[in-house]
């Protein structure tokens, strides 16, 4: 593994939690973009450096941030149950 390497374990737990919370039966581009932006927003300006532009898989803020963003994107898209 390398610094800033993205692994599916980083984002998918939050994506699935957000989809389950929204009871969405579909995934669209807006939801995945919301997940990407939420992931990027976890790293603060103070933390960012050439070796740390995405959060660690062990960062406990990631799943909740991604789930919330996906849930809100699903609501905005009108695909909630």
PDB file of N, CA and C in Angstrom:
ATOM      1  N   UNK A   1       0.825  -1.188   0.000  1.00  0.00           N
ATOM      2  CA  UNK A   1       0.000   0.000   0.000  1.00  0.00           C
ATOM      3  C   UNK A   1       0.870   1.253   0.000  1.00  0.00           C
ATOM      4  N   UNK A   2       0.307   2.312  -0.574  1.00  0.00           N
ATOM      5  CA  UNK A   2       1.022   3.572  -0.719  1.00  0.00           C
ATOM      6  C   UNK A   2       0.221   4.706  -0.083  1.00  0.00           C
ATOM      7  N   UNK A   3       0.884   5.809   0.291  1.00  0.00           N
ATOM      8  CA  UNK A   3       0.136   6.962   0.792  1.00  0.00           C
ATOM      9  C   UNK A   3      -0.892   7.410  -0.245  1.00  0.00           C
ATOM     10  N   UNK A   4      -2.054   7.763   0.220  1.00  0.00           N
ATOM     11  CA  UNK A   4      -3.138   8.271  -0.622  1.00  0.00           C
ATOM     12  C   UNK A   4      -3.739   7.245  -1.565  1.00  0.00           C
ATOM     13  N   UNK A   5      -3.430   5.971  -1.370  1.00  0.00           N
ATOM     14  CA  UNK A   5      -4.040   4.925  -2.185  1.00  0.00           C
ATOM     15  C   UNK A   5      -5.476   4.723  -1.718  1.00  0.00           C
ATOM     16  N   UNK A   6      -6.394   4.715  -2.648  1.00  0.00           N
ATOM     17  CA  UNK A   6      -7.799   4.528  -2.297  1.00  0.00           C
ATOM     18  C   UNK A   6      -8.147   3.054  -2.418  1.00  0.00           C
ATOM     19  N   UNK A   7      -8.800   2.571  -1.396  1.00  0.00           N
ATOM     20  CA  UNK A   7      -9.231   1.186  -1.338  1.00  0.00           C
ATOM     21  C   UNK A   7     -10.743   1.200  -1.171  1.00  0.00           C
ATOM     22  N   UNK A   8     -11.416   0.209  -1.725  1.00  0.00           N
ATOM     23  CA  UNK A   8     -12.874   0.184  -1.629  1.00  0.00           C
ATOM     24  C   UNK A   8     -13.365   0.099  -0.188  1.00  0.00           C
ATOM     25  N   UNK A   9     -12.530  -0.377   0.719  1.00  0.00           N
ATOM     26  CA  UNK A   9     -12.934  -0.445   2.125  1.00  0.00           C
ATOM     27  C   UNK A   9     -13.107   0.956   2.708  1.00  0.00           C
ATOM     28  N   UNK A  10     -12.573   1.952   2.070  1.00  0.00           N
ATOM     29  CA  UNK A  10     -12.651   3.320   2.565  1.00  0.00           C
ATOM     30  C   UNK A  10     -14.041   3.920   2.378  1.00  0.00           C
ATOM     31  N   UNK A  11     -14.650   3.711   1.256  1.00  0.00           N
ATOM     32  CA  UNK A  11     -15.887   4.423   0.945  1.00  0.00           C
ATOM     33  C   UNK A  11     -17.138   3.538   0.951  1.00  0.00           C
ATOM     34  N   UNK A  12     -17.031   2.282   0.614  1.00  0.00           N
ATOM     35  CA  UNK A  12     -18.236   1.474   0.450  1.00  0.00           C
ATOM     36  C   UNK A  12     -19.053   1.260   1.718  1.00  0.00           C
ATOM     37  N   UNK A  13     -18.477   1.119   2.898  1.00  0.00           N
ATOM     38  CA  UNK A  13     -19.348   0.994   4.078  1.00  0.00           C
ATOM     39  C   UNK A  13     -20.285   2.197   4.246  1.00  0.00           C
ATOM     40  N   UNK A  14     -19.776   3.386   4.021  1.00  0.00           N
ATOM     41  CA  UNK A  14     -20.611   4.577   4.123  1.00  0.00           C
ATOM     42  C   UNK A  14     -21.633   4.669   3.008  1.00  0.00           C
ATOM     43  N   UNK A  15     -21.237   4.285   1.797  1.00  0.00           N
ATOM     44  CA  UNK A  15     -22.182   4.291   0.672  1.00  0.00           C
ATOM     45  C   UNK A  15     -23.342   3.351   0.970  1.00  0.00           C
ATOM     46  N   UNK A  16     -23.046   2.139   1.381  1.00  0.00           N
ATOM     47  CA  UNK A  16     -24.113   1.174   1.660  1.00  0.00           C
ATOM     48  C   UNK A  16     -24.976   1.622   2.836  1.00  0.00           C
ATOM     49  N   UNK A  17     -24.370   2.186   3.883  1.00  0.00           N
ATOM     50  CA  UNK A  17     -25.147   2.677   5.027  1.00  0.00           C
ATOM     51  C   UNK A  17     -26.094   3.783   4.573  1.00  0.00           C
ATOM     52  N   UNK A  18     -25.605   4.696   3.761  1.00  0.00           N
ATOM     53  CA  UNK A  18     -26.445   5.774   3.257  1.00  0.00           C
ATOM     54  C   UNK A  18     -27.590   5.267   2.399  1.00  0.00           C
ATOM     55  N   UNK A  19     -27.305   4.287   1.554  1.00  0.00           N
ATOM     56  CA  UNK A  19     -28.353   3.701   0.713  1.00  0.00           C
ATOM     57  C   UNK A  19     -29.394   2.983   1.561  1.00  0.00           C
ATOM     58  N   UNK A  20     -28.936   2.241   2.558  1.00  0.00           N
ATOM     59  CA  UNK A  20     -29.866   1.545   3.452  1.00  0.00           C
ATOM     60  C   UNK A  20     -30.708   2.534   4.246  1.00  0.00           C
ATOM     61  N   UNK A  21     -30.082   3.572   4.782  1.00  0.00           N
ATOM     62  CA  UNK A  21     -30.816   4.574   5.554  1.00  0.00           C
ATOM     63  C   UNK A  21     -31.876   5.266   4.707  1.00  0.00           C
ATOM     64  N   UNK A  22     -31.557   5.525   3.453  1.00  0.00           N
ATOM     65  CA  UNK A  22     -32.497   6.181   2.542  1.00  0.00           C
ATOM     66  C   UNK A  22     -33.491   5.193   1.942  1.00  0.00           C
ATOM     67  N   UNK A  23     -33.245   3.916   2.128  1.00  0.00           N
ATOM     68  CA  UNK A  23     -34.042   2.853   1.508  1.00  0.00           C
ATOM     69  C   UNK A  23     -34.094   3.031  -0.010  1.00  0.00           C
ATOM     70  N   UNK A  24     -32.962   3.414  -0.554  1.00  0.00           N
ATOM     71  CA  UNK A  24     -32.855   3.631  -1.994  1.00  0.00           C
ATOM     72  C   UNK A  24     -32.596   2.305  -2.702  1.00  0.00           C
ATOM     73  N   UNK A  25     -33.218   2.131  -3.830  1.00  0.00           N
ATOM     74  CA  UNK A  25     -33.007   0.925  -4.633  1.00  0.00           C
ATOM     75  C   UNK A  25     -32.120   1.192  -5.836  1.00  0.00           C
ATOM     76  N   UNK A  26     -31.568   2.382  -5.888  1.00  0.00           N
ATOM     77  CA  UNK A  26     -30.720   2.745  -7.012  1.00  0.00           C
ATOM     78  C   UNK A  26     -29.537   3.571  -6.521  1.00  0.00           C
ATOM     79  N   UNK A  27     -28.499   3.566  -7.316  1.00  0.00           N
ATOM     80  CA  UNK A  27     -27.330   4.410  -7.058  1.00  0.00           C
ATOM     81  C   UNK A  27     -27.115   5.241  -8.312  1.00  0.00           C
ATOM     82  N   UNK A  28     -26.969   6.545  -8.141  1.00  0.00           N
ATOM     83  CA  UNK A  28     -26.739   7.386  -9.313  1.00  0.00           C
ATOM     84  C   UNK A  28     -25.422   8.152  -9.168  1.00  0.00           C
ATOM     85  N   UNK A  29     -25.069   8.843 -10.201  1.00  0.00           N
ATOM     86  CA  UNK A  29     -23.812   9.588 -10.223  1.00  0.00           C
ATOM     87  C   UNK A  29     -23.759  10.636  -9.118  1.00  0.00           C
ATOM     88  N   UNK A  30     -24.873  11.295  -8.865  1.00  0.00           N
ATOM     89  CA  UNK A  30     -24.902  12.327  -7.829  1.00  0.00           C
ATOM     90  C   UNK A  30     -24.573  11.743  -6.456  1.00  0.00           C
ATOM     91  N   UNK A  31     -25.048  10.543  -6.185  1.00  0.00           N
ATOM     92  CA  UNK A  31     -24.756   9.902  -4.896  1.00  0.00           C
ATOM     93  C   UNK A  31     -23.272   9.577  -4.771  1.00  0.00           C
ATOM     94  N   UNK A  32     -22.686   9.084  -5.842  1.00  0.00           N
ATOM     95  CA  UNK A  32     -21.264   8.748  -5.790  1.00  0.00           C
ATOM     96  C   UNK A  32     -20.404  10.011  -5.699  1.00  0.00           C
ATOM     97  N   UNK A  33     -20.816  11.082  -6.373  1.00  0.00           N
ATOM     98  CA  UNK A  33     -20.094  12.351  -6.247  1.00  0.00           C
ATOM     99  C   UNK A  33     -20.220  12.911  -4.832  1.00  0.00           C
ATOM    100  N   UNK A  34     -21.399  12.766  -4.241  1.00  0.00           N
ATOM    101  CA  UNK A  34     -21.584  13.213  -2.858  1.00  0.00           C
ATOM    102  C   UNK A  34     -20.674  12.427  -1.926  1.00  0.00           C
ATOM    103  N   UNK A  35     -20.540  11.131  -2.171  1.00  0.00           N
ATOM    104  CA  UNK A  35     -19.642  10.297  -1.363  1.00  0.00           C
ATOM    105  C   UNK A  35     -18.198  10.766  -1.514  1.00  0.00           C
ATOM    106  N   UNK A  36     -17.797  11.068  -2.731  1.00  0.00           N
ATOM    107  CA  UNK A  36     -16.422  11.521  -2.977  1.00  0.00           C
ATOM    108  C   UNK A  36     -16.144  12.853  -2.289  1.00  0.00           C
ATOM    109  N   UNK A  37     -17.089  13.773  -2.369  1.00  0.00           N
ATOM    110  CA  UNK A  37     -16.908  15.077  -1.722  1.00  0.00           C
ATOM    111  C   UNK A  37     -16.870  14.929  -0.203  1.00  0.00           C
ATOM    112  N   UNK A  38     -17.729  14.077   0.341  1.00  0.00           N
ATOM    113  CA  UNK A  38     -17.729  13.853   1.789  1.00  0.00           C
ATOM    114  C   UNK A  38     -16.411  13.248   2.235  1.00  0.00           C
ATOM    115  N   UNK A  39     -15.901  12.317   1.459  1.00  0.00           N
ATOM    116  CA  UNK A  39     -14.610  11.700   1.770  1.00  0.00           C
ATOM    117  C   UNK A  39     -13.510  12.760   1.780  1.00  0.00           C
ATOM    118  N   UNK A  40     -13.500  13.608   0.780  1.00  0.00           N
ATOM    119  CA  UNK A  40     -12.481  14.655   0.699  1.00  0.00           C
ATOM    120  C   UNK A  40     -12.598  15.647   1.850  1.00  0.00           C
ATOM    121  N   UNK A  41     -13.824  15.922   2.276  1.00  0.00           N
ATOM    122  CA  UNK A  41     -14.038  16.903   3.336  1.00  0.00           C
ATOM    123  C   UNK A  41     -13.630  16.409   4.718  1.00  0.00           C
ATOM    124  N   UNK A  42     -13.420  15.109   4.877  1.00  0.00           N
ATOM    125  CA  UNK A  42     -12.993  14.575   6.176  1.00  0.00           C
ATOM    126  C   UNK A  42     -11.600  15.081   6.535  1.00  0.00           C
ATOM    127  N   UNK A  43     -10.747  15.245   5.535  1.00  0.00           N
ATOM    128  CA  UNK A  43      -9.392  15.752   5.778  1.00  0.00           C
ATOM    129  C   UNK A  43      -9.459  17.276   5.856  1.00  0.00           C
ATOM    130  N   UNK A  44      -9.015  17.823   6.968  1.00  0.00           N
ATOM    131  CA  UNK A  44      -9.067  19.273   7.164  1.00  0.00           C
ATOM    132  C   UNK A  44      -7.879  19.954   6.496  1.00  0.00           C
ATOM    133  N   UNK A  45      -7.990  21.250   6.334  1.00  0.00           N
ATOM    134  CA  UNK A  45      -6.895  22.041   5.758  1.00  0.00           C
ATOM    135  C   UNK A  45      -5.623  21.903   6.586  1.00  0.00           C
ATOM    136  N   UNK A  46      -5.776  21.787   7.895  1.00  0.00           N
ATOM    137  CA  UNK A  46      -4.609  21.642   8.774  1.00  0.00           C
ATOM    138  C   UNK A  46      -3.917  20.294   8.612  1.00  0.00           C
ATOM    139  N   UNK A  47      -4.684  19.266   8.241  1.00  0.00           N
ATOM    140  CA  UNK A  47      -4.129  17.914   8.116  1.00  0.00           C
ATOM    141  C   UNK A  47      -3.524  17.623   6.748  1.00  0.00           C
ATOM    142  N   UNK A  48      -4.034  18.293   5.726  1.00  0.00           N
ATOM    143  CA  UNK A  48      -3.650  17.946   4.358  1.00  0.00           C
ATOM    144  C   UNK A  48      -2.168  18.233   4.105  1.00  0.00           C
ATOM    145  N   UNK A  49      -1.523  17.286   3.436  1.00  0.00           N
ATOM    146  CA  UNK A  49      -0.123  17.421   3.037  1.00  0.00           C
ATOM    147  C   UNK A  49       0.115  16.444   1.890  1.00  0.00           C
ATOM    148  N   UNK A  50       1.255  16.467   1.237  1.00  0.00           N
ATOM    149  CA  UNK A  50       1.478  15.598   0.077  1.00  0.00           C
ATOM    150  C   UNK A  50       1.280  14.101   0.353  1.00  0.00           C
ATOM    151  N   UNK A  51       1.438  13.686   1.589  1.00  0.00           N
ATOM    152  CA  UNK A  51       1.259  12.276   1.925  1.00  0.00           C
ATOM    153  C   UNK A  51      -0.089  11.980   2.560  1.00  0.00           C
ATOM    154  N   UNK A  52      -0.920  12.997   2.703  1.00  0.00           N
ATOM    155  CA  UNK A  52      -2.221  12.798   3.351  1.00  0.00           C
ATOM    156  C   UNK A  52      -3.259  13.698   2.708  1.00  0.00           C
ATOM    157  N   UNK A  53      -3.862  13.205   1.614  1.00  0.00           N
ATOM    158  CA  UNK A  53      -4.913  13.961   0.944  1.00  0.00           C
ATOM    159  C   UNK A  53      -6.260  13.269   1.068  1.00  0.00           C
ATOM    160  N   UNK A  54      -6.254  12.007   1.429  1.00  0.00           N
ATOM    161  CA  UNK A  54      -7.484  11.278   1.715  1.00  0.00           C
ATOM    162  C   UNK A  54      -7.352  10.671   3.101  1.00  0.00           C
ATOM    163  N   UNK A  55      -8.474  10.488   3.798  1.00  0.00           N
ATOM    164  CA  UNK A  55      -8.382   9.958   5.152  1.00  0.00           C
ATOM    165  C   UNK A  55      -7.971   8.487   5.169  1.00  0.00           C
ATOM    166  N   UNK A  56      -7.469   8.081   6.299  1.00  0.00           N
ATOM    167  CA  UNK A  56      -7.085   6.691   6.518  1.00  0.00           C
ATOM    168  C   UNK A  56      -8.330   5.809   6.594  1.00  0.00           C
ATOM    169  N   UNK A  57      -8.182   4.548   6.268  1.00  0.00           N
ATOM    170  CA  UNK A  57      -9.295   3.606   6.417  1.00  0.00           C
ATOM    171  C   UNK A  57      -9.680   3.454   7.885  1.00  0.00           C
ATOM    172  N   UNK A  58      -8.827   3.882   8.785  1.00  0.00           N
ATOM    173  CA  UNK A  58      -9.102   3.773  10.215  1.00  0.00           C
ATOM    174  C   UNK A  58      -9.714   5.047  10.799  1.00  0.00           C
ATOM    175  N   UNK A  59      -9.971   6.041   9.969  1.00  0.00           N
ATOM    176  CA  UNK A  59     -10.574   7.285  10.431  1.00  0.00           C
ATOM    177  C   UNK A  59     -12.059   7.035  10.701  1.00  0.00           C
ATOM    178  N   UNK A  60     -12.480   7.220  11.945  1.00  0.00           N
ATOM    179  CA  UNK A  60     -13.856   6.896  12.317  1.00  0.00           C
ATOM    180  C   UNK A  60     -14.890   7.913  11.836  1.00  0.00           C
ATOM    181  N   UNK A  61     -14.482   8.976  11.191  1.00  0.00           N
ATOM    182  CA  UNK A  61     -15.412   9.974  10.661  1.00  0.00           C
ATOM    183  C   UNK A  61     -15.887   9.638   9.248  1.00  0.00           C
ATOM    184  N   UNK A  62     -15.157   8.774   8.563  1.00  0.00           N
ATOM    185  CA  UNK A  62     -15.410   8.533   7.139  1.00  0.00           C
ATOM    186  C   UNK A  62     -16.791   7.943   6.888  1.00  0.00           C
ATOM    187  N   UNK A  63     -17.113   6.829   7.504  1.00  0.00           N
ATOM    188  CA  UNK A  63     -18.369   6.131   7.203  1.00  0.00           C
ATOM    189  C   UNK A  63     -19.577   7.023   7.454  1.00  0.00           C
ATOM    190  N   UNK A  64     -19.598   7.723   8.571  1.00  0.00           N
ATOM    191  CA  UNK A  64     -20.734   8.592   8.877  1.00  0.00           C
ATOM    192  C   UNK A  64     -20.869   9.754   7.910  1.00  0.00           C
ATOM    193  N   UNK A  65     -19.751  10.352   7.555  1.00  0.00           N
ATOM    194  CA  UNK A  65     -19.776  11.475   6.615  1.00  0.00           C
ATOM    195  C   UNK A  65     -20.266  11.030   5.245  1.00  0.00           C
ATOM    196  N   UNK A  66     -19.757   9.904   4.781  1.00  0.00           N
ATOM    197  CA  UNK A  66     -20.159   9.382   3.470  1.00  0.00           C
ATOM    198  C   UNK A  66     -21.622   8.953   3.501  1.00  0.00           C
ATOM    199  N   UNK A  67     -22.033   8.265   4.550  1.00  0.00           N
ATOM    200  CA  UNK A  67     -23.426   7.808   4.656  1.00  0.00           C
ATOM    201  C   UNK A  67     -24.389   8.988   4.625  1.00  0.00           C
ATOM    202  N   UNK A  68     -24.082  10.021   5.380  1.00  0.00           N
ATOM    203  CA  UNK A  68     -24.951  11.195   5.396  1.00  0.00           C
ATOM    204  C   UNK A  68     -25.044  11.868   4.041  1.00  0.00           C
ATOM    205  N   UNK A  69     -23.934  11.963   3.362  1.00  0.00           N
ATOM    206  CA  UNK A  69     -23.920  12.596   2.041  1.00  0.00           C
ATOM    207  C   UNK A  69     -24.705  11.779   1.019  1.00  0.00           C
ATOM    208  N   UNK A  70     -24.548  10.475   1.058  1.00  0.00           N
ATOM    209  CA  UNK A  70     -25.279   9.601   0.128  1.00  0.00           C
ATOM    210  C   UNK A  70     -26.774   9.659   0.421  1.00  0.00           C
ATOM    211  N   UNK A  71     -27.137   9.618   1.696  1.00  0.00           N
ATOM    212  CA  UNK A  71     -28.548   9.697   2.084  1.00  0.00           C
ATOM    213  C   UNK A  71     -29.171  11.003   1.587  1.00  0.00           C
ATOM    214  N   UNK A  72     -28.484  12.126   1.785  1.00  0.00           N
ATOM    215  CA  UNK A  72     -29.011  13.418   1.342  1.00  0.00           C
ATOM    216  C   UNK A  72     -29.093  13.501  -0.182  1.00  0.00           C
ATOM    217  N   UNK A  73     -28.125  12.926  -0.873  1.00  0.00           N
ATOM    218  CA  UNK A  73     -28.162  12.916  -2.343  1.00  0.00           C
ATOM    219  C   UNK A  73     -29.319  12.063  -2.844  1.00  0.00           C
ATOM    220  N   UNK A  74     -29.598  10.972  -2.153  1.00  0.00           N
ATOM    221  CA  UNK A  74     -30.736  10.122  -2.527  1.00  0.00           C
ATOM    222  C   UNK A  74     -32.045  10.881  -2.341  1.00  0.00           C
ATOM    223  N   UNK A  75     -32.149  11.617  -1.239  1.00  0.00           N
ATOM    224  CA  UNK A  75     -33.352  12.427  -1.005  1.00  0.00           C
ATOM    225  C   UNK A  75     -33.507  13.478  -2.099  1.00  0.00           C
ATOM    226  N   UNK A  76     -32.398  14.144  -2.426  1.00  0.00           N
ATOM    227  CA  UNK A  76     -32.437  15.185  -3.457  1.00  0.00           C
ATOM    228  C   UNK A  76     -32.838  14.618  -4.815  1.00  0.00           C
ATOM    229  N   UNK A  77     -32.449  13.368  -5.068  1.00  0.00           N
ATOM    230  CA  UNK A  77     -32.778  12.726  -6.341  1.00  0.00           C
ATOM    231  C   UNK A  77     -34.183  12.136  -6.342  1.00  0.00           C
ATOM    232  N   UNK A  78     -34.819  12.118  -5.176  1.00  0.00           N
ATOM    233  CA  UNK A  78     -36.175  11.579  -5.088  1.00  0.00           C
ATOM    234  C   UNK A  78     -36.246  10.073  -5.190  1.00  0.00           C
ATOM    235  N   UNK A  79     -35.194   9.385  -4.764  1.00  0.00           N
ATOM    236  CA  UNK A  79     -35.190   7.919  -4.874  1.00  0.00           C
ATOM    237  C   UNK A  79     -35.265   7.241  -3.505  1.00  0.00           C
ATOM    238  N   UNK A  80     -35.760   7.961  -2.500  1.00  0.00           N
ATOM    239  CA  UNK A  80     -35.927   7.359  -1.178  1.00  0.00           C
ATOM    240  C   UNK A  80     -37.278   6.659  -1.113  1.00  0.00           C
ATOM    241  N   UNK A  81     -37.344   5.642  -0.265  1.00  0.00           N
ATOM    242  CA  UNK A  81     -38.601   4.881  -0.141  1.00  0.00           C
ATOM    243  C   UNK A  81     -39.597   5.632   0.719  1.00  0.00           C
TER     244      UNK A  81
END
